[in-house]
Protein backbone atom coordinates (compact mmCIF):
# COMPACT_ATOMS: atom_id res chain seq x y z
CA UNK A 1 0.00 0.00 0.00
CA UNK A 2 3.01 2.28 0.42
CA UNK A 3 4.52 2.56 -3.06
CA UNK A 4 3.26 2.11 -6.59
CA UNK A 5 4.70 -0.59 -8.78
CA UNK A 6 5.49 -0.32 -12.47
CA UNK A 7 2.14 -1.86 -13.42
CA UNK A 8 0.28 0.83 -11.47
CA UNK A 9 2.15 3.60 -13.33
CA UNK A 10 1.43 1.92 -16.69
CA UNK A 11 -2.29 1.85 -15.89
CA UNK A 12 -2.23 5.52 -14.89
CA UNK A 13 -0.36 6.40 -18.10
CA UNK A 14 -2.89 4.47 -20.20
CA UNK A 15 -5.80 6.29 -18.54
CA UNK A 16 -4.16 9.68 -19.11
CA UNK A 17 -3.54 8.86 -22.77
CA UNK A 18 -7.16 7.74 -23.21
CA UNK A 19 -8.56 10.86 -21.54
CA UNK A 20 -6.32 13.47 -23.13
CA UNK A 21 -5.08 11.79 -26.29
CA UNK A 22 -1.48 11.44 -27.37
CA UNK A 23 -1.43 14.76 -29.27
CA UNK A 24 -2.53 17.02 -26.43
CA UNK A 25 0.19 16.04 -23.96
CA UNK A 26 3.16 17.44 -25.98
CA UNK A 27 1.12 20.57 -26.72
CA UNK A 28 0.43 21.05 -23.00
CA UNK A 29 4.11 20.56 -22.17
CA UNK A 30 5.05 23.14 -24.83
CA UNK A 31 2.58 25.62 -23.35
CA UNK A 32 4.03 25.00 -19.91
CA UNK A 33 7.57 25.59 -21.20
CA UNK A 34 6.51 28.87 -22.86
CA UNK A 35 4.89 29.99 -19.61
CA UNK A 36 8.02 29.24 -17.60
CA UNK A 37 10.17 31.05 -20.18
CA UNK A 38 7.89 34.12 -20.07
CA UNK A 39 8.01 34.11 -16.27
CA UNK A 40 11.81 33.96 -16.24
CA UNK A 41 12.04 36.77 -18.81
CA UNK A 42 9.67 38.89 -16.73
CA UNK A 43 11.69 38.29 -13.58
CA UNK A 44 14.90 39.21 -15.41
CA UNK A 45 13.30 42.43 -16.73
CA UNK A 46 12.03 43.36 -13.27
CA UNK A 47 15.49 42.84 -11.77
CA UNK A 48 17.10 44.98 -14.49
CA UNK A 49 14.62 47.82 -13.89
CA UNK A 50 15.15 47.59 -10.13
CA UNK A 51 18.93 47.75 -10.54
CA UNK A 52 18.63 50.81 -12.81
CA UNK A 53 16.38 52.55 -10.26
CA UNK A 54 18.81 51.81 -7.43
CA UNK A 55 21.73 53.11 -9.47
CA UNK A 56 19.86 56.34 -10.28
CA UNK A 57 19.04 56.89 -6.60
CA UNK A 58 22.60 56.19 -5.48
CA UNK A 59 24.22 58.51 -8.05
CA UNK A 60 21.87 61.31 -8.99
CA UNK A 61 22.83 63.23 -12.11
CA UNK A 62 24.39 66.60 -11.57
CA UNK A 63 22.06 69.39 -12.46
CA UNK A 64 23.34 72.11 -14.78
CA UNK A 65 23.59 75.53 -13.16
CA UNK A 66 23.65 74.21 -9.58
PDB file of N, CA and C in Angstrom:
ATOM      1  N   UNK A   1       0.816  -1.187   0.000  1.00  0.00           N
ATOM      2  CA  UNK A   1       0.000   0.000   0.000  1.00  0.00           C
ATOM      3  C   UNK A   1       0.862   1.254   0.000  1.00  0.00           C
ATOM      4  N   UNK A   2       2.146   1.115   0.306  1.00  0.00           N
ATOM      5  CA  UNK A   2       3.014   2.283   0.419  1.00  0.00           C
ATOM      6  C   UNK A   2       3.463   2.859  -0.906  1.00  0.00           C
ATOM      7  N   UNK A   3       3.999   2.041  -1.806  1.00  0.00           N
ATOM      8  CA  UNK A   3       4.517   2.564  -3.065  1.00  0.00           C
ATOM      9  C   UNK A   3       3.761   1.953  -4.238  1.00  0.00           C
ATOM     10  N   UNK A   4       3.889   2.609  -5.374  1.00  0.00           N
ATOM     11  CA  UNK A   4       3.259   2.106  -6.593  1.00  0.00           C
ATOM     12  C   UNK A   4       4.278   1.300  -7.387  1.00  0.00           C
ATOM     13  N   UNK A   5       3.815   0.239  -7.956  1.00  0.00           N
ATOM     14  CA  UNK A   5       4.697  -0.587  -8.781  1.00  0.00           C
ATOM     15  C   UNK A   5       4.629  -0.104 -10.226  1.00  0.00           C
ATOM     16  N   UNK A   6       5.439  -0.696 -11.062  1.00  0.00           N
ATOM     17  CA  UNK A   6       5.493  -0.323 -12.472  1.00  0.00           C
ATOM     18  C   UNK A   6       4.140  -0.533 -13.147  1.00  0.00           C
ATOM     19  N   UNK A   7       3.448  -1.595 -12.798  1.00  0.00           N
ATOM     20  CA  UNK A   7       2.140  -1.860 -13.418  1.00  0.00           C
ATOM     21  C   UNK A   7       1.124  -0.776 -13.055  1.00  0.00           C
ATOM     22  N   UNK A   8       1.181  -0.253 -11.844  1.00  0.00           N
ATOM     23  CA  UNK A   8       0.282   0.833 -11.466  1.00  0.00           C
ATOM     24  C   UNK A   8       0.539   2.066 -12.332  1.00  0.00           C
ATOM     25  N   UNK A   9       1.813   2.415 -12.530  1.00  0.00           N
ATOM     26  CA  UNK A   9       2.152   3.595 -13.333  1.00  0.00           C
ATOM     27  C   UNK A   9       1.754   3.406 -14.790  1.00  0.00           C
ATOM     28  N   UNK A  10       1.849   2.181 -15.311  1.00  0.00           N
ATOM     29  CA  UNK A  10       1.430   1.918 -16.693  1.00  0.00           C
ATOM     30  C   UNK A  10      -0.081   2.089 -16.846  1.00  0.00           C
ATOM     31  N   UNK A  11      -0.845   1.665 -15.856  1.00  0.00           N
ATOM     32  CA  UNK A  11      -2.293   1.854 -15.895  1.00  0.00           C
ATOM     33  C   UNK A  11      -2.639   3.332 -15.846  1.00  0.00           C
ATOM     34  N   UNK A  12      -1.989   4.070 -14.984  1.00  0.00           N
ATOM     35  CA  UNK A  12      -2.228   5.518 -14.894  1.00  0.00           C
ATOM     36  C   UNK A  12      -1.881   6.194 -16.218  1.00  0.00           C
ATOM     37  N   UNK A  13      -0.765   5.834 -16.810  1.00  0.00           N
ATOM     38  CA  UNK A  13      -0.364   6.399 -18.097  1.00  0.00           C
ATOM     39  C   UNK A  13      -1.383   6.079 -19.179  1.00  0.00           C
ATOM     40  N   UNK A  14      -1.875   4.856 -19.212  1.00  0.00           N
ATOM     41  CA  UNK A  14      -2.885   4.466 -20.197  1.00  0.00           C
ATOM     42  C   UNK A  14      -4.162   5.281 -20.027  1.00  0.00           C
ATOM     43  N   UNK A  15      -4.585   5.502 -18.798  1.00  0.00           N
ATOM     44  CA  UNK A  15      -5.797   6.287 -18.540  1.00  0.00           C
ATOM     45  C   UNK A  15      -5.604   7.732 -18.981  1.00  0.00           C
ATOM     46  N   UNK A  16      -4.443   8.302 -18.692  1.00  0.00           N
ATOM     47  CA  UNK A  16      -4.157   9.681 -19.108  1.00  0.00           C
ATOM     48  C   UNK A  16      -4.163   9.785 -20.621  1.00  0.00           C
ATOM     49  N   UNK A  17      -3.555   8.838 -21.302  1.00  0.00           N
ATOM     50  CA  UNK A  17      -3.543   8.858 -22.770  1.00  0.00           C
ATOM     51  C   UNK A  17      -4.949   8.721 -23.347  1.00  0.00           C
ATOM     52  N   UNK A  18      -5.781   7.905 -22.726  1.00  0.00           N
ATOM     53  CA  UNK A  18      -7.157   7.743 -23.206  1.00  0.00           C
ATOM     54  C   UNK A  18      -7.953   9.034 -22.996  1.00  0.00           C
ATOM     55  N   UNK A  19      -7.791   9.647 -21.847  1.00  0.00           N
ATOM     56  CA  UNK A  19      -8.558  10.858 -21.544  1.00  0.00           C
ATOM     57  C   UNK A  19      -8.108  12.057 -22.373  1.00  0.00           C
ATOM     58  N   UNK A  20      -6.827  12.268 -22.484  1.00  0.00           N
ATOM     59  CA  UNK A  20      -6.316  13.473 -23.125  1.00  0.00           C
ATOM     60  C   UNK A  20      -5.862  13.254 -24.565  1.00  0.00           C
ATOM     61  N   UNK A  21      -5.582  12.053 -24.946  1.00  0.00           N
ATOM     62  CA  UNK A  21      -5.080  11.792 -26.287  1.00  0.00           C
ATOM     63  C   UNK A  21      -3.583  12.032 -26.350  1.00  0.00           C
ATOM     64  N   UNK A  22      -2.937  11.355 -27.281  1.00  0.00           N
ATOM     65  CA  UNK A  22      -1.479  11.437 -27.371  1.00  0.00           C
ATOM     66  C   UNK A  22      -1.017  12.795 -27.896  1.00  0.00           C
ATOM     67  N   UNK A  23      -1.842  13.492 -28.680  1.00  0.00           N
ATOM     68  CA  UNK A  23      -1.428  14.762 -29.275  1.00  0.00           C
ATOM     69  C   UNK A  23      -1.498  15.940 -28.331  1.00  0.00           C
ATOM     70  N   UNK A  24      -2.350  15.870 -27.319  1.00  0.00           N
ATOM     71  CA  UNK A  24      -2.529  17.017 -26.427  1.00  0.00           C
ATOM     72  C   UNK A  24      -1.438  17.121 -25.374  1.00  0.00           C
ATOM     73  N   UNK A  25      -0.813  16.009 -25.014  1.00  0.00           N
ATOM     74  CA  UNK A  25       0.193  16.039 -23.959  1.00  0.00           C
ATOM     75  C   UNK A  25       1.431  16.836 -24.389  1.00  0.00           C
ATOM     76  N   UNK A  26       2.016  16.606 -25.575  1.00  0.00           N
ATOM     77  CA  UNK A  26       3.160  17.440 -25.979  1.00  0.00           C
ATOM     78  C   UNK A  26       2.787  18.914 -26.129  1.00  0.00           C
ATOM     79  N   UNK A  27       1.569  19.185 -26.588  1.00  0.00           N
ATOM     80  CA  UNK A  27       1.119  20.574 -26.720  1.00  0.00           C
ATOM     81  C   UNK A  27       1.045  21.241 -25.332  1.00  0.00           C
ATOM     82  N   UNK A  28       0.523  20.515 -24.360  1.00  0.00           N
ATOM     83  CA  UNK A  28       0.431  21.050 -23.001  1.00  0.00           C
ATOM     84  C   UNK A  28       1.823  21.292 -22.417  1.00  0.00           C
ATOM     85  N   UNK A  29       2.749  20.387 -22.675  1.00  0.00           N
ATOM     86  CA  UNK A  29       4.113  20.561 -22.172  1.00  0.00           C
ATOM     87  C   UNK A  29       4.785  21.764 -22.848  1.00  0.00           C
ATOM     88  N   UNK A  30       4.515  21.970 -24.128  1.00  0.00           N
ATOM     89  CA  UNK A  30       5.050  23.139 -24.829  1.00  0.00           C
ATOM     90  C   UNK A  30       4.491  24.432 -24.268  1.00  0.00           C
ATOM     91  N   UNK A  31       3.193  24.439 -23.960  1.00  0.00           N
ATOM     92  CA  UNK A  31       2.576  25.616 -23.349  1.00  0.00           C
ATOM     93  C   UNK A  31       3.176  25.889 -21.977  1.00  0.00           C
ATOM     94  N   UNK A  32       3.417  24.841 -21.226  1.00  0.00           N
ATOM     95  CA  UNK A  32       4.030  25.000 -19.905  1.00  0.00           C
ATOM     96  C   UNK A  32       5.440  25.582 -20.032  1.00  0.00           C
ATOM     97  N   UNK A  33       6.206  25.086 -20.994  1.00  0.00           N
ATOM     98  CA  UNK A  33       7.571  25.589 -21.198  1.00  0.00           C
ATOM     99  C   UNK A  33       7.549  27.063 -21.604  1.00  0.00           C
ATOM    100  N   UNK A  34       6.607  27.458 -22.472  1.00  0.00           N
ATOM    101  CA  UNK A  34       6.512  28.866 -22.863  1.00  0.00           C
ATOM    102  C   UNK A  34       6.141  29.741 -21.672  1.00  0.00           C
ATOM    103  N   UNK A  35       5.274  29.245 -20.804  1.00  0.00           N
ATOM    104  CA  UNK A  35       4.890  29.992 -19.615  1.00  0.00           C
ATOM    105  C   UNK A  35       6.063  30.187 -18.668  1.00  0.00           C
ATOM    106  N   UNK A  36       6.845  29.146 -18.475  1.00  0.00           N
ATOM    107  CA  UNK A  36       8.018  29.240 -17.598  1.00  0.00           C
ATOM    108  C   UNK A  36       9.030  30.220 -18.190  1.00  0.00           C
ATOM    109  N   UNK A  37       9.233  30.146 -19.513  1.00  0.00           N
ATOM    110  CA  UNK A  37      10.175  31.047 -20.180  1.00  0.00           C
ATOM    111  C   UNK A  37       9.713  32.506 -20.055  1.00  0.00           C
ATOM    112  N   UNK A  38       8.421  32.759 -20.206  1.00  0.00           N
ATOM    113  CA  UNK A  38       7.885  34.119 -20.073  1.00  0.00           C
ATOM    114  C   UNK A  38       8.050  34.612 -18.635  1.00  0.00           C
ATOM    115  N   UNK A  39       7.835  33.735 -17.667  1.00  0.00           N
ATOM    116  CA  UNK A  39       8.012  34.111 -16.271  1.00  0.00           C
ATOM    117  C   UNK A  39       9.457  34.487 -15.983  1.00  0.00           C
ATOM    118  N   UNK A  40      10.397  33.678 -16.478  1.00  0.00           N
ATOM    119  CA  UNK A  40      11.812  33.958 -16.243  1.00  0.00           C
ATOM    120  C   UNK A  40      12.229  35.268 -16.911  1.00  0.00           C
ATOM    121  N   UNK A  41      11.724  35.525 -18.120  1.00  0.00           N
ATOM    122  CA  UNK A  41      12.041  36.772 -18.811  1.00  0.00           C
ATOM    123  C   UNK A  41      11.481  37.960 -18.038  1.00  0.00           C
ATOM    124  N   UNK A  42      10.267  37.818 -17.532  1.00  0.00           N
ATOM    125  CA  UNK A  42       9.665  38.887 -16.733  1.00  0.00           C
ATOM    126  C   UNK A  42      10.441  39.155 -15.460  1.00  0.00           C
ATOM    127  N   UNK A  43      10.899  38.103 -14.802  1.00  0.00           N
ATOM    128  CA  UNK A  43      11.693  38.291 -13.584  1.00  0.00           C
ATOM    129  C   UNK A  43      13.015  38.973 -13.900  1.00  0.00           C
ATOM    130  N   UNK A  44      13.627  38.607 -15.018  1.00  0.00           N
ATOM    131  CA  UNK A  44      14.897  39.209 -15.411  1.00  0.00           C
ATOM    132  C   UNK A  44      14.691  40.693 -15.730  1.00  0.00           C
ATOM    133  N   UNK A  45      13.592  41.042 -16.409  1.00  0.00           N
ATOM    134  CA  UNK A  45      13.298  42.432 -16.734  1.00  0.00           C
ATOM    135  C   UNK A  45      13.042  43.248 -15.472  1.00  0.00           C
ATOM    136  N   UNK A  46      12.300  42.666 -14.521  1.00  0.00           N
ATOM    137  CA  UNK A  46      12.029  43.364 -13.267  1.00  0.00           C
ATOM    138  C   UNK A  46      13.318  43.632 -12.501  1.00  0.00           C
ATOM    139  N   UNK A  47      14.221  42.657 -12.475  1.00  0.00           N
ATOM    140  CA  UNK A  47      15.486  42.840 -11.771  1.00  0.00           C
ATOM    141  C   UNK A  47      16.330  43.906 -12.447  1.00  0.00           C
ATOM    142  N   UNK A  48      16.320  43.973 -13.777  1.00  0.00           N
ATOM    143  CA  UNK A  48      17.102  44.979 -14.492  1.00  0.00           C
ATOM    144  C   UNK A  48      16.549  46.372 -14.218  1.00  0.00           C
ATOM    145  N   UNK A  49      15.219  46.523 -14.183  1.00  0.00           N
ATOM    146  CA  UNK A  49      14.622  47.820 -13.887  1.00  0.00           C
ATOM    147  C   UNK A  49      14.919  48.234 -12.453  1.00  0.00           C
ATOM    148  N   UNK A  50      14.850  47.291 -11.529  1.00  0.00           N
ATOM    149  CA  UNK A  50      15.145  47.591 -10.126  1.00  0.00           C
ATOM    150  C   UNK A  50      16.585  48.024  -9.940  1.00  0.00           C
ATOM    151  N   UNK A  51      17.518  47.388 -10.641  1.00  0.00           N
ATOM    152  CA  UNK A  51      18.927  47.754 -10.539  1.00  0.00           C
ATOM    153  C   UNK A  51      19.154  49.151 -11.112  1.00  0.00           C
ATOM    154  N   UNK A  52      18.480  49.485 -12.209  1.00  0.00           N
ATOM    155  CA  UNK A  52      18.630  50.811 -12.809  1.00  0.00           C
ATOM    156  C   UNK A  52      18.072  51.882 -11.874  1.00  0.00           C
ATOM    157  N   UNK A  53      16.956  51.596 -11.211  1.00  0.00           N
ATOM    158  CA  UNK A  53      16.384  52.554 -10.264  1.00  0.00           C
ATOM    159  C   UNK A  53      17.306  52.767  -9.072  1.00  0.00           C
ATOM    160  N   UNK A  54      17.900  51.690  -8.559  1.00  0.00           N
ATOM    161  CA  UNK A  54      18.814  51.813  -7.428  1.00  0.00           C
ATOM    162  C   UNK A  54      20.050  52.603  -7.818  1.00  0.00           C
ATOM    163  N   UNK A  55      20.554  52.391  -9.006  1.00  0.00           N
ATOM    164  CA  UNK A  55      21.725  53.114  -9.473  1.00  0.00           C
ATOM    165  C   UNK A  55      21.412  54.602  -9.613  1.00  0.00           C
ATOM    166  N   UNK A  56      20.247  54.945 -10.114  1.00  0.00           N
ATOM    167  CA  UNK A  56      19.863  56.342 -10.282  1.00  0.00           C
ATOM    168  C   UNK A  56      19.703  57.022  -8.928  1.00  0.00           C
ATOM    169  N   UNK A  57      19.202  56.309  -7.922  1.00  0.00           N
ATOM    170  CA  UNK A  57      19.042  56.887  -6.601  1.00  0.00           C
ATOM    171  C   UNK A  57      20.393  57.058  -5.910  1.00  0.00           C
ATOM    172  N   UNK A  58      21.299  56.144  -6.127  1.00  0.00           N
ATOM    173  CA  UNK A  58      22.597  56.194  -5.477  1.00  0.00           C
ATOM    174  C   UNK A  58      23.489  57.285  -6.065  1.00  0.00           C
ATOM    175  N   UNK A  59      23.380  57.531  -7.372  1.00  0.00           N
ATOM    176  CA  UNK A  59      24.216  58.512  -8.054  1.00  0.00           C
ATOM    177  C   UNK A  59      23.346  59.440  -8.883  1.00  0.00           C
ATOM    178  N   UNK A  60      22.723  60.411  -8.218  1.00  0.00           N
ATOM    179  CA  UNK A  60      21.867  61.312  -8.992  1.00  0.00           C
ATOM    180  C   UNK A  60      22.707  62.146  -9.966  1.00  0.00           C
ATOM    181  N   UNK A  61      22.130  62.442 -11.103  1.00  0.00           N
ATOM    182  CA  UNK A  61      22.835  63.228 -12.112  1.00  0.00           C
ATOM    183  C   UNK A  61      23.018  64.657 -11.621  1.00  0.00           C
ATOM    184  N   UNK A  62      24.152  65.226 -11.941  1.00  0.00           N
ATOM    185  CA  UNK A  62      24.395  66.603 -11.571  1.00  0.00           C
ATOM    186  C   UNK A  62      23.514  67.502 -12.412  1.00  0.00           C
ATOM    187  N   UNK A  63      22.936  68.472 -11.757  1.00  0.00           N
ATOM    188  CA  UNK A  63      22.056  69.393 -12.463  1.00  0.00           C
ATOM    189  C   UNK A  63      22.849  70.570 -12.991  1.00  0.00           C
ATOM    190  N   UNK A  64      22.605  70.954 -14.242  1.00  0.00           N
ATOM    191  CA  UNK A  64      23.338  72.110 -14.783  1.00  0.00           C
ATOM    192  C   UNK A  64      22.913  73.383 -14.071  1.00  0.00           C
ATOM    193  N   UNK A  65      23.863  74.248 -13.800  1.00  0.00           N
ATOM    194  CA  UNK A  65      23.593  75.532 -13.162  1.00  0.00           C
ATOM    195  C   UNK A  65      23.455  75.448 -11.662  1.00  0.00           C
ATOM    196  N   UNK A  66      23.783  74.309 -11.039  1.00  0.00           N
ATOM    197  CA  UNK A  66      23.648  74.212  -9.585  1.00  0.00           C
ATOM    198  C   UNK A  66      24.884  74.706  -8.900  1.00  0.00           C
TER     199      UNK A  66
END
